[in-house]
């Protein structure tokens, strides 16, 4: 996975735009950040999950996902080791992070048909 592929996957989510936070590219739905690139360095991304989601992703794919250090990590912020990530592994994490940040109305608007 490259940073550009991470970027394309994030921007493919509904009503997402790229911005910047503390000098790092971030991805937002509305005003809420759900993913970033380049922290702690260019080989990582980050997705904002719930602690329960983080636990699931880190248990299933420990070579890809790990909690961010400190309080942010305990809150669900999850590092993504880009080199180890694949589209099939990253897409569900980005989608979960997007749903965590999106408004209920936006989620309903873009709900997958069953």
N, C-alpha and C. Protein backbone atom coordinates (compact mmCIF):
# COMPACT_ATOMS: atom_id res chain seq x y z
N UNK A 1 0.85 -1.18 0.00
CA UNK A 1 0.00 0.00 0.00
C UNK A 1 0.89 1.23 0.00
N UNK A 2 0.58 2.16 -0.85
CA UNK A 2 1.31 3.42 -0.90
C UNK A 2 0.46 4.51 -0.26
N UNK A 3 1.08 5.63 0.10
CA UNK A 3 0.28 6.74 0.59
C UNK A 3 -0.78 7.20 -0.43
N UNK A 4 -0.45 7.16 -1.71
CA UNK A 4 -1.42 7.56 -2.73
C UNK A 4 -2.62 6.61 -2.78
N UNK A 5 -2.38 5.32 -2.59
CA UNK A 5 -3.49 4.37 -2.57
C UNK A 5 -4.35 4.59 -1.34
N UNK A 6 -3.73 4.81 -0.18
CA UNK A 6 -4.47 5.14 1.04
C UNK A 6 -5.34 6.37 0.78
N UNK A 7 -4.76 7.39 0.19
CA UNK A 7 -5.47 8.63 -0.13
C UNK A 7 -6.67 8.35 -1.03
N UNK A 8 -6.46 7.58 -2.11
CA UNK A 8 -7.56 7.28 -3.04
C UNK A 8 -8.69 6.53 -2.34
N UNK A 9 -8.34 5.56 -1.50
CA UNK A 9 -9.37 4.81 -0.78
C UNK A 9 -10.15 5.71 0.18
N UNK A 10 -9.45 6.57 0.88
CA UNK A 10 -10.13 7.49 1.81
C UNK A 10 -11.04 8.46 1.05
N UNK A 11 -10.54 9.03 -0.03
CA UNK A 11 -11.31 10.01 -0.79
C UNK A 11 -12.47 9.38 -1.56
N UNK A 12 -12.47 8.07 -1.71
CA UNK A 12 -13.58 7.39 -2.39
C UNK A 12 -14.81 7.29 -1.48
N UNK A 13 -14.65 7.52 -0.20
CA UNK A 13 -15.77 7.46 0.72
C UNK A 13 -16.64 8.71 0.54
N UNK A 14 -17.95 8.58 0.70
CA UNK A 14 -18.87 9.68 0.42
C UNK A 14 -18.54 10.97 1.17
N UNK A 15 -18.59 12.05 0.41
CA UNK A 15 -18.47 13.42 0.95
C UNK A 15 -17.21 13.63 1.78
N UNK A 16 -16.15 12.94 1.40
CA UNK A 16 -14.85 13.07 2.07
C UNK A 16 -14.01 14.10 1.34
N UNK A 17 -13.27 14.87 2.10
CA UNK A 17 -12.31 15.80 1.51
C UNK A 17 -10.99 15.73 2.27
N UNK A 18 -9.93 16.12 1.58
CA UNK A 18 -8.60 16.13 2.18
C UNK A 18 -8.31 17.52 2.72
N UNK A 19 -7.68 17.55 3.86
CA UNK A 19 -7.26 18.79 4.50
C UNK A 19 -5.89 18.54 5.10
N UNK A 20 -5.51 19.32 6.09
CA UNK A 20 -4.23 19.14 6.74
C UNK A 20 -4.37 19.44 8.22
N UNK A 21 -3.67 18.66 9.02
CA UNK A 21 -3.69 18.83 10.46
C UNK A 21 -2.27 18.63 10.98
N UNK A 22 -1.72 19.62 11.62
CA UNK A 22 -0.37 19.57 12.18
C UNK A 22 0.64 19.13 11.11
N UNK A 23 0.46 19.63 9.90
CA UNK A 23 1.40 19.35 8.82
C UNK A 23 1.24 18.00 8.16
N UNK A 24 0.19 17.25 8.50
CA UNK A 24 -0.05 15.94 7.90
C UNK A 24 -1.36 15.97 7.13
N UNK A 25 -1.43 15.29 5.98
CA UNK A 25 -2.71 15.20 5.28
C UNK A 25 -3.73 14.47 6.15
N UNK A 26 -4.95 14.99 6.17
CA UNK A 26 -6.01 14.28 6.87
C UNK A 26 -7.23 14.19 5.97
N UNK A 27 -8.13 13.31 6.35
CA UNK A 27 -9.33 13.04 5.57
C UNK A 27 -10.52 13.24 6.48
N UNK A 28 -11.46 14.05 6.00
CA UNK A 28 -12.58 14.47 6.83
C UNK A 28 -13.90 14.19 6.14
N UNK A 29 -14.89 13.95 6.96
CA UNK A 29 -16.26 13.94 6.52
C UNK A 29 -16.93 15.03 7.35
N UNK A 30 -17.45 16.05 6.66
CA UNK A 30 -17.85 17.25 7.37
C UNK A 30 -16.58 17.88 7.93
N UNK A 31 -16.60 18.22 9.19
CA UNK A 31 -15.42 18.81 9.83
C UNK A 31 -14.62 17.80 10.65
N UNK A 32 -15.06 16.54 10.66
CA UNK A 32 -14.45 15.54 11.54
C UNK A 32 -13.42 14.69 10.81
N UNK A 33 -12.23 14.61 11.40
CA UNK A 33 -11.14 13.80 10.85
C UNK A 33 -11.42 12.32 11.15
N UNK A 34 -11.27 11.48 10.12
CA UNK A 34 -11.41 10.04 10.36
C UNK A 34 -10.14 9.27 9.98
N UNK A 35 -9.21 9.92 9.27
CA UNK A 35 -7.96 9.25 8.90
C UNK A 35 -6.90 10.30 8.60
N UNK A 36 -5.64 9.91 8.76
CA UNK A 36 -4.52 10.79 8.42
C UNK A 36 -3.42 9.97 7.75
N UNK A 37 -2.51 10.68 7.15
CA UNK A 37 -1.30 10.08 6.56
C UNK A 37 -0.07 10.73 7.17
N UNK A 38 1.02 9.95 7.26
CA UNK A 38 2.31 10.52 7.59
C UNK A 38 2.66 10.68 9.06
N UNK A 39 1.95 9.99 9.94
CA UNK A 39 2.32 10.06 11.35
C UNK A 39 2.45 8.66 11.90
N UNK A 40 3.54 8.33 12.55
CA UNK A 40 4.64 9.19 12.96
C UNK A 40 5.63 9.50 11.84
N UNK A 41 5.52 8.77 10.70
CA UNK A 41 6.36 9.10 9.54
C UNK A 41 5.61 8.66 8.29
N UNK A 42 6.25 8.84 7.15
CA UNK A 42 5.59 8.61 5.86
C UNK A 42 5.21 7.16 5.61
N UNK A 43 5.66 6.24 6.44
CA UNK A 43 5.33 4.82 6.23
C UNK A 43 4.04 4.42 6.94
N UNK A 44 3.36 5.38 7.58
CA UNK A 44 2.15 5.09 8.34
C UNK A 44 0.98 5.96 7.93
N UNK A 45 -0.19 5.42 8.15
CA UNK A 45 -1.45 6.16 8.14
C UNK A 45 -2.08 5.95 9.50
N UNK A 46 -3.27 6.53 9.68
CA UNK A 46 -4.00 6.37 10.93
C UNK A 46 -5.48 6.38 10.61
N UNK A 47 -6.23 5.53 11.30
CA UNK A 47 -7.68 5.53 11.23
C UNK A 47 -8.23 5.70 12.64
N UNK A 48 -9.30 6.48 12.76
CA UNK A 48 -9.93 6.72 14.06
C UNK A 48 -11.06 5.72 14.25
N UNK A 49 -10.78 4.72 15.04
CA UNK A 49 -11.75 3.68 15.33
C UNK A 49 -12.24 3.81 16.76
N UNK A 50 -13.25 3.05 17.10
CA UNK A 50 -13.62 2.93 18.51
C UNK A 50 -12.63 1.95 19.14
N UNK A 51 -12.50 1.95 20.45
CA UNK A 51 -11.61 0.96 21.08
C UNK A 51 -12.00 -0.48 20.72
N UNK A 52 -13.29 -0.77 20.64
CA UNK A 52 -13.72 -2.14 20.29
C UNK A 52 -13.33 -2.48 18.84
N UNK A 53 -13.52 -1.53 17.93
CA UNK A 53 -13.12 -1.77 16.54
C UNK A 53 -11.61 -1.96 16.45
N UNK A 54 -10.88 -1.11 17.16
CA UNK A 54 -9.42 -1.21 17.17
C UNK A 54 -8.98 -2.58 17.63
N UNK A 55 -9.60 -3.07 18.68
CA UNK A 55 -9.25 -4.39 19.21
C UNK A 55 -9.45 -5.47 18.14
N UNK A 56 -10.55 -5.38 17.41
CA UNK A 56 -10.81 -6.36 16.37
C UNK A 56 -9.81 -6.31 15.23
N UNK A 57 -9.54 -5.10 14.74
CA UNK A 57 -8.59 -4.97 13.63
C UNK A 57 -7.17 -5.35 14.04
N UNK A 58 -6.75 -4.96 15.24
CA UNK A 58 -5.38 -5.30 15.66
C UNK A 58 -5.23 -6.79 15.93
N UNK A 59 -6.30 -7.43 16.40
CA UNK A 59 -6.24 -8.88 16.63
C UNK A 59 -6.21 -9.65 15.31
N UNK A 60 -6.98 -9.19 14.35
CA UNK A 60 -7.09 -9.89 13.06
C UNK A 60 -5.89 -9.63 12.15
N UNK A 61 -5.35 -8.42 12.20
CA UNK A 61 -4.25 -8.03 11.31
C UNK A 61 -3.15 -7.30 12.09
N UNK A 62 -2.46 -7.98 13.01
CA UNK A 62 -1.48 -7.30 13.86
C UNK A 62 -0.27 -6.75 13.09
N UNK A 63 0.02 -7.25 11.91
CA UNK A 63 1.13 -6.72 11.12
C UNK A 63 0.77 -5.39 10.47
N UNK A 64 -0.53 -5.09 10.41
CA UNK A 64 -1.00 -3.86 9.74
C UNK A 64 -1.41 -2.80 10.76
N UNK A 65 -2.19 -3.18 11.76
CA UNK A 65 -2.80 -2.23 12.70
C UNK A 65 -2.18 -2.33 14.09
N UNK A 66 -2.00 -1.17 14.72
CA UNK A 66 -1.57 -1.12 16.11
C UNK A 66 -2.09 0.17 16.72
N UNK A 67 -2.36 0.18 18.02
CA UNK A 67 -2.83 1.41 18.66
C UNK A 67 -1.75 2.50 18.57
N UNK A 68 -2.19 3.74 18.34
CA UNK A 68 -1.30 4.88 18.43
C UNK A 68 -0.86 4.96 19.89
N UNK A 69 0.35 5.44 20.14
CA UNK A 69 0.84 5.53 21.51
C UNK A 69 0.05 6.56 22.32
N UNK A 70 -0.11 6.28 23.59
CA UNK A 70 -0.71 7.23 24.52
C UNK A 70 -2.23 7.22 24.51
N UNK A 71 -2.78 8.32 24.97
CA UNK A 71 -4.22 8.45 25.15
C UNK A 71 -5.01 8.36 23.85
N UNK A 72 -4.46 8.90 22.78
CA UNK A 72 -5.16 8.80 21.49
C UNK A 72 -5.37 7.34 21.13
N UNK A 73 -4.36 6.53 21.34
CA UNK A 73 -4.47 5.10 21.04
C UNK A 73 -5.48 4.40 21.92
N UNK A 74 -5.49 4.75 23.20
CA UNK A 74 -6.48 4.15 24.09
C UNK A 74 -7.90 4.54 23.69
N UNK A 75 -8.04 5.68 23.02
CA UNK A 75 -9.35 6.14 22.54
C UNK A 75 -9.75 5.53 21.21
N UNK A 76 -8.86 4.78 20.57
CA UNK A 76 -9.19 4.11 19.32
C UNK A 76 -8.37 4.52 18.12
N UNK A 77 -7.57 5.58 18.23
CA UNK A 77 -6.73 5.97 17.10
C UNK A 77 -5.75 4.84 16.81
N UNK A 78 -5.72 4.42 15.56
CA UNK A 78 -5.03 3.19 15.18
C UNK A 78 -4.06 3.43 14.04
N UNK A 79 -2.79 3.10 14.25
CA UNK A 79 -1.78 3.22 13.20
C UNK A 79 -1.98 2.13 12.15
N UNK A 80 -1.68 2.51 10.91
CA UNK A 80 -1.74 1.57 9.79
C UNK A 80 -0.34 1.53 9.17
N UNK A 81 0.29 0.38 9.23
CA UNK A 81 1.59 0.21 8.59
C UNK A 81 1.33 0.01 7.09
N UNK A 82 1.61 1.05 6.30
CA UNK A 82 1.22 1.04 4.90
C UNK A 82 1.82 -0.13 4.13
N UNK A 83 3.07 -0.41 4.36
CA UNK A 83 3.74 -1.47 3.59
C UNK A 83 3.06 -2.83 3.76
N UNK A 84 2.50 -3.07 4.94
CA UNK A 84 1.85 -4.36 5.22
C UNK A 84 0.38 -4.39 4.83
N UNK A 85 -0.21 -3.23 4.58
CA UNK A 85 -1.64 -3.14 4.31
C UNK A 85 -1.98 -3.51 2.87
N UNK A 86 -3.17 -4.05 2.70
CA UNK A 86 -3.73 -4.29 1.37
C UNK A 86 -5.07 -3.57 1.30
N UNK A 87 -5.56 -3.41 0.11
CA UNK A 87 -6.87 -2.77 -0.09
C UNK A 87 -7.95 -3.52 0.70
N UNK A 88 -7.95 -4.85 0.62
CA UNK A 88 -8.98 -5.65 1.29
C UNK A 88 -8.94 -5.51 2.81
N UNK A 89 -7.78 -5.28 3.36
CA UNK A 89 -7.64 -5.11 4.81
C UNK A 89 -7.95 -3.67 5.23
N UNK A 90 -7.49 -2.71 4.44
CA UNK A 90 -7.65 -1.30 4.82
C UNK A 90 -9.05 -0.77 4.58
N UNK A 91 -9.69 -1.16 3.49
CA UNK A 91 -11.00 -0.58 3.16
C UNK A 91 -12.02 -0.70 4.30
N UNK A 92 -12.17 -1.87 4.94
CA UNK A 92 -13.14 -1.94 6.04
C UNK A 92 -12.78 -1.03 7.22
N UNK A 93 -11.50 -0.85 7.49
CA UNK A 93 -11.09 0.03 8.59
C UNK A 93 -11.39 1.49 8.25
N UNK A 94 -11.11 1.89 7.02
CA UNK A 94 -11.44 3.26 6.60
C UNK A 94 -12.95 3.49 6.64
N UNK A 95 -13.71 2.50 6.19
CA UNK A 95 -15.18 2.63 6.20
C UNK A 95 -15.70 2.75 7.64
N UNK A 96 -15.14 1.97 8.54
CA UNK A 96 -15.56 2.05 9.95
C UNK A 96 -15.21 3.42 10.52
N UNK A 97 -14.02 3.91 10.23
CA UNK A 97 -13.60 5.23 10.72
C UNK A 97 -14.50 6.32 10.14
N UNK A 98 -14.85 6.20 8.86
CA UNK A 98 -15.75 7.17 8.22
C UNK A 98 -17.10 7.18 8.93
N UNK A 99 -17.67 5.99 9.17
CA UNK A 99 -18.96 5.90 9.86
C UNK A 99 -18.89 6.49 11.27
N UNK A 100 -17.76 6.33 11.94
CA UNK A 100 -17.59 6.90 13.28
C UNK A 100 -17.62 8.43 13.25
N UNK A 101 -17.18 9.01 12.15
CA UNK A 101 -17.08 10.48 12.05
C UNK A 101 -18.28 11.12 11.37
N UNK A 102 -18.98 10.38 10.53
CA UNK A 102 -20.09 10.94 9.75
C UNK A 102 -21.32 11.14 10.63
N UNK A 103 -22.15 12.09 10.22
CA UNK A 103 -23.42 12.30 10.92
C UNK A 103 -24.38 11.15 10.60
N UNK A 104 -25.34 10.96 11.49
CA UNK A 104 -26.33 9.91 11.26
C UNK A 104 -27.09 10.15 9.95
N UNK A 105 -27.40 11.39 9.65
CA UNK A 105 -28.11 11.70 8.40
C UNK A 105 -27.27 11.34 7.19
N UNK A 106 -25.98 11.61 7.24
CA UNK A 106 -25.09 11.29 6.13
C UNK A 106 -24.95 9.78 5.97
N UNK A 107 -24.87 9.07 7.07
CA UNK A 107 -24.78 7.62 7.01
C UNK A 107 -26.06 7.05 6.37
N UNK A 108 -27.22 7.56 6.77
CA UNK A 108 -28.48 7.10 6.17
C UNK A 108 -28.52 7.42 4.68
N UNK A 109 -28.06 8.61 4.32
CA UNK A 109 -28.06 9.05 2.92
C UNK A 109 -27.24 8.11 2.04
N UNK A 110 -26.15 7.58 2.58
CA UNK A 110 -25.23 6.75 1.81
C UNK A 110 -25.25 5.29 2.25
N UNK A 111 -26.35 4.86 2.86
CA UNK A 111 -26.46 3.48 3.32
C UNK A 111 -26.38 2.52 2.14
N UNK A 112 -25.72 1.41 2.37
CA UNK A 112 -25.64 0.37 1.34
C UNK A 112 -27.03 -0.26 1.19
N UNK A 113 -27.48 -0.44 -0.06
CA UNK A 113 -28.76 -1.13 -0.22
C UNK A 113 -28.62 -2.60 0.21
N UNK A 114 -29.63 -3.10 0.87
CA UNK A 114 -29.59 -4.49 1.36
C UNK A 114 -30.25 -5.42 0.38
